[in-house]
Amino acid sequence: MIDKEIIKIASNTENHGVLNNHTHFSKLKNSICGDEMRVYLIVKDGKIANFKYECESCIYCQASVSLLSRSAINKSIEKVKYFAEQAKNRFEKNTKSFDKEWKEFDKIMSKNNISRKECLLLPVNTTLDALNKKSL
């Protein structure tokens, strides 16, 4: 049964779309299920100034990218990368909850959703991939 919170978060699509003037971009595919994620970022002075995404994916992936796109704006690249590491370790270790600024992820990245770990992490991995390479 899908958690109502996941549906509520996923239904916020304010950052869905394309940024033609992006500074960073990545497109990744989940090899397990075929979900596809495209992330467009505008990075200025070491901070994410804008974040848009397109996805063909399940509701877990949509919830994760919706939350990430809203949470990452105006954050430094270092903070986003640190969060990404926390998120990846989230399912391996029984880690405490996320830092205050990423608190909402506690709702979706929980032991209850461990079977959807790859879905929840696809947006995080795509964003990390985009930050690690410059667009043309």
C-alpha atoms as a PDB file:
ATOM      1  CA  MET A   1       0.000   0.000   0.000  1.00  0.00           C
ATOM      2  CA  ILE A   2       1.364   3.393  -0.978  1.00  0.00           C
ATOM      3  CA  ASP A   3       1.731   5.876   1.829  1.00  0.00           C
ATOM      4  CA  LYS A   4      -0.532   8.945   1.462  1.00  0.00           C
ATOM      5  CA  GLU A   5       2.475  11.137   2.306  1.00  0.00           C
ATOM      6  CA  ILE A   6       4.329   9.827  -0.779  1.00  0.00           C
ATOM      7  CA  ILE A   7       1.360  10.702  -3.003  1.00  0.00           C
ATOM      8  CA  LYS A   8       1.041  14.161  -1.431  1.00  0.00           C
ATOM      9  CA  ILE A   9       4.753  14.937  -1.921  1.00  0.00           C
ATOM     10  CA  ALA A  10       4.828  13.528  -5.470  1.00  0.00           C
ATOM     11  CA  SER A  11       1.827  15.620  -6.489  1.00  0.00           C
ATOM     12  CA  ASN A  12       3.839  18.827  -5.959  1.00  0.00           C
ATOM     13  CA  THR A  13       5.264  19.330  -9.441  1.00  0.00           C
ATOM     14  CA  GLU A  14       6.214  23.019  -9.227  1.00  0.00           C
ATOM     15  CA  ASN A  15       9.784  22.244 -10.376  1.00  0.00           C
ATOM     16  CA  HIS A  16       8.848  19.816 -13.127  1.00  0.00           C
ATOM     17  CA  GLY A  17      10.140  21.055 -16.462  1.00  0.00           C
ATOM     18  CA  VAL A  18      13.241  21.913 -18.467  1.00  0.00           C
ATOM     19  CA  LEU A  19      15.844  24.638 -17.946  1.00  0.00           C
ATOM     20  CA  ASN A  20      17.276  25.533 -21.346  1.00  0.00           C
ATOM     21  CA  ASN A  21      19.965  27.710 -19.774  1.00  0.00           C
ATOM     22  CA  HIS A  22      21.143  25.064 -17.281  1.00  0.00           C
ATOM     23  CA  THR A  23      24.759  24.956 -16.124  1.00  0.00           C
ATOM     24  CA  HIS A  24      24.580  21.307 -15.039  1.00  0.00           C
ATOM     25  CA  PHE A  25      22.596  18.364 -16.420  1.00  0.00           C
ATOM     26  CA  SER A  26      22.346  14.628 -15.967  1.00  0.00           C
ATOM     27  CA  LYS A  27      20.124  11.819 -17.189  1.00  0.00           C
ATOM     28  CA  LEU A  28      20.184   8.493 -15.398  1.00  0.00           C
ATOM     29  CA  LYS A  29      18.137   5.343 -15.709  1.00  0.00           C
ATOM     30  CA  ASN A  30      17.350   2.821 -13.005  1.00  0.00           C
ATOM     31  CA  SER A  31      18.577  -0.477 -14.461  1.00  0.00           C
ATOM     32  CA  ILE A  32      16.235  -2.441 -12.185  1.00  0.00           C
ATOM     33  CA  CYS A  33      12.916  -0.942 -13.281  1.00  0.00           C
ATOM     34  CA  GLY A  34      13.678   1.401 -16.191  1.00  0.00           C
ATOM     35  CA  ASP A  35      12.714   4.622 -14.384  1.00  0.00           C
ATOM     36  CA  GLU A  36      14.376   7.589 -16.056  1.00  0.00           C
ATOM     37  CA  MET A  37      15.375  10.881 -14.456  1.00  0.00           C
ATOM     38  CA  ARG A  38      16.631  14.115 -16.037  1.00  0.00           C
ATOM     39  CA  VAL A  39      17.910  16.891 -13.796  1.00  0.00           C
ATOM     40  CA  TYR A  40      18.634  20.467 -14.947  1.00  0.00           C
ATOM     41  CA  LEU A  41      20.480  22.788 -12.574  1.00  0.00           C
ATOM     42  CA  ILE A  42      21.603  26.374 -12.610  1.00  0.00           C
ATOM     43  CA  VAL A  43      24.554  26.772 -10.267  1.00  0.00           C
ATOM     44  CA  LYS A  44      25.734  30.268  -9.335  1.00  0.00           C
ATOM     45  CA  ASP A  45      28.473  31.102  -6.831  1.00  0.00           C
ATOM     46  CA  GLY A  46      28.592  27.511  -5.582  1.00  0.00           C
ATOM     47  CA  LYS A  47      24.851  27.372  -4.885  1.00  0.00           C
ATOM     48  CA  ILE A  48      21.953  25.777  -6.708  1.00  0.00           C
ATOM     49  CA  ALA A  49      19.958  28.744  -8.010  1.00  0.00           C
ATOM     50  CA  ASN A  50      17.401  26.691  -9.918  1.00  0.00           C
ATOM     51  CA  PHE A  51      16.447  23.009 -10.166  1.00  0.00           C
ATOM     52  CA  LYS A  52      14.094  21.472 -12.713  1.00  0.00           C
ATOM     53  CA  TYR A  53      13.469  17.846 -13.530  1.00  0.00           C
ATOM     54  CA  GLU A  54      11.693  15.522 -15.909  1.00  0.00           C
ATOM     55  CA  CYS A  55      11.001  11.926 -15.080  1.00  0.00           C
ATOM     56  CA  GLU A  56       9.313   8.850 -16.388  1.00  0.00           C
ATOM     57  CA  SER A  57       9.107   7.018 -13.132  1.00  0.00           C
ATOM     58  CA  CYS A  58       7.138   5.560 -10.261  1.00  0.00           C
ATOM     59  CA  ILE A  59       5.544   7.610  -7.510  1.00  0.00           C
ATOM     60  CA  TYR A  60       8.453   7.001  -5.095  1.00  0.00           C
ATOM     61  CA  CYS A  61      10.913   8.489  -7.556  1.00  0.00           C
ATOM     62  CA  GLN A  62       8.526  11.399  -8.223  1.00  0.00           C
ATOM     63  CA  ALA A  63       8.154  12.117  -4.509  1.00  0.00           C
ATOM     64  CA  SER A  64      11.902  12.032  -3.987  1.00  0.00           C
ATOM     65  CA  VAL A  65      12.695  14.381  -6.895  1.00  0.00           C
ATOM     66  CA  SER A  66       9.880  16.759  -5.963  1.00  0.00           C
ATOM     67  CA  LEU A  67      11.240  17.070  -2.435  1.00  0.00           C
ATOM     68  CA  LEU A  68      14.852  17.265  -3.592  1.00  0.00           C
ATOM     69  CA  SER A  69      14.133  19.968  -6.173  1.00  0.00           C
ATOM     70  CA  ARG A  70      12.472  22.128  -3.532  1.00  0.00           C
ATOM     71  CA  SER A  71      15.030  21.432  -0.793  1.00  0.00           C
ATOM     72  CA  ALA A  72      18.178  21.939  -2.875  1.00  0.00           C
ATOM     73  CA  ILE A  73      17.406  25.433  -4.202  1.00  0.00           C
ATOM     74  CA  ASN A  74      19.628  28.079  -2.549  1.00  0.00           C
ATOM     75  CA  LYS A  75      21.786  25.392  -0.913  1.00  0.00           C
ATOM     76  CA  SER A  76      25.519  25.116  -1.522  1.00  0.00           C
ATOM     77  CA  ILE A  77      26.840  22.287  -3.659  1.00  0.00           C
ATOM     78  CA  GLU A  78      28.690  20.982  -0.583  1.00  0.00           C
ATOM     79  CA  LYS A  79      25.465  20.785   1.437  1.00  0.00           C
ATOM     80  CA  VAL A  80      23.663  18.958  -1.363  1.00  0.00           C
ATOM     81  CA  LYS A  81      26.559  16.508  -1.779  1.00  0.00           C
ATOM     82  CA  TYR A  82      26.643  15.911   1.976  1.00  0.00           C
ATOM     83  CA  PHE A  83      22.902  15.238   1.964  1.00  0.00           C
ATOM     84  CA  ALA A  84      23.362  12.816  -0.953  1.00  0.00           C
ATOM     85  CA  GLU A  85      25.896  10.814   1.058  1.00  0.00           C
ATOM     86  CA  GLN A  86      23.526  10.749   4.044  1.00  0.00           C
ATOM     87  CA  ALA A  87      20.677   9.578   1.802  1.00  0.00           C
ATOM     88  CA  LYS A  88      22.766   6.767   0.305  1.00  0.00           C
ATOM     89  CA  ASN A  89      23.776   5.550   3.768  1.00  0.00           C
ATOM     90  CA  ARG A  90      20.246   5.930   5.056  1.00  0.00           C
ATOM     91  CA  PHE A  91      19.164   2.435   4.094  1.00  0.00           C
ATOM     92  CA  GLU A  92      22.451   0.662   4.943  1.00  0.00           C
ATOM     93  CA  LYS A  93      22.848   1.920   8.468  1.00  0.00           C
ATOM     94  CA  ASN A  94      20.131   2.641  10.926  1.00  0.00           C
ATOM     95  CA  THR A  95      21.021   6.318  10.804  1.00  0.00           C
ATOM     96  CA  LYS A  96      19.376   9.014  12.790  1.00  0.00           C
ATOM     97  CA  SER A  97      17.071  11.401  11.028  1.00  0.00           C
ATOM     98  CA  PHE A  98      18.286  13.918   8.482  1.00  0.00           C
ATOM     99  CA  ASP A  99      19.534  17.385   9.418  1.00  0.00           C
ATOM    100  CA  LYS A 100      16.855  20.010  10.000  1.00  0.00           C
ATOM    101  CA  GLU A 101      17.019  21.390   6.445  1.00  0.00           C
ATOM    102  CA  TRP A 102      16.448  17.925   4.934  1.00  0.00           C
ATOM    103  CA  LYS A 103      13.999  16.729   7.620  1.00  0.00           C
ATOM    104  CA  GLU A 104      11.133  16.101   5.188  1.00  0.00           C
ATOM    105  CA  PHE A 105      13.112  13.210   3.686  1.00  0.00           C
ATOM    106  CA  ASP A 106      12.533  11.306   6.935  1.00  0.00           C
ATOM    107  CA  LYS A 107       8.949  10.831   5.721  1.00  0.00           C
ATOM    108  CA  ILE A 108       9.926   8.987   2.540  1.00  0.00           C
ATOM    109  CA  MET A 109      13.394   7.526   3.162  1.00  0.00           C
ATOM    110  CA  SER A 110      12.423   5.143   5.905  1.00  0.00           C
ATOM    111  CA  LYS A 111      12.768   1.446   6.651  1.00  0.00           C
ATOM    112  CA  ASN A 112       9.162   1.029   5.434  1.00  0.00           C
ATOM    113  CA  ASN A 113      10.296   1.978   1.938  1.00  0.00           C
ATOM    114  CA  ILE A 114      13.555   0.024   1.829  1.00  0.00           C
ATOM    115  CA  SER A 115      12.234  -2.066  -1.068  1.00  0.00           C
ATOM    116  CA  ARG A 116      11.958   1.207  -3.042  1.00  0.00           C
ATOM    117  CA  LYS A 117      15.460   2.372  -2.124  1.00  0.00           C
ATOM    118  CA  GLU A 118      16.662   2.535  -5.768  1.00  0.00           C
ATOM    119  CA  CYS A 119      13.574   4.569  -6.734  1.00  0.00           C
ATOM    120  CA  LEU A 120      14.082   7.029  -3.897  1.00  0.00           C
ATOM    121  CA  LEU A 121      17.804   7.407  -4.600  1.00  0.00           C
ATOM    122  CA  LEU A 122      17.590   7.827  -8.394  1.00  0.00           C
ATOM    123  CA  PRO A 123      16.934  11.611  -8.148  1.00  0.00           C
ATOM    124  CA  VAL A 124      19.725  11.961  -5.568  1.00  0.00           C
ATOM    125  CA  ASN A 125      22.187  10.069  -7.786  1.00  0.00           C
ATOM    126  CA  THR A 126      21.138  12.016 -10.880  1.00  0.00           C
ATOM    127  CA  THR A 127      21.601  15.337  -9.064  1.00  0.00           C
ATOM    128  CA  LEU A 128      25.007  14.233  -7.770  1.00  0.00           C
ATOM    129  CA  ASP A 129      26.005  13.170 -11.274  1.00  0.00           C
ATOM    130  CA  ALA A 130      24.933  16.574 -12.641  1.00  0.00           C
ATOM    131  CA  LEU A 131      26.912  18.428  -9.949  1.00  0.00           C
ATOM    132  CA  ASN A 132      30.006  16.379 -10.719  1.00  0.00           C
ATOM    133  CA  LYS A 133      30.086  17.467 -14.350  1.00  0.00           C
ATOM    134  CA  LYS A 134      29.642  20.766 -16.121  1.00  0.00           C
ATOM    135  CA  SER A 135      27.228  21.177 -19.007  1.00  0.00           C
ATOM    136  CA  LEU A 136      28.517  22.187 -22.401  1.00  0.00           C
END
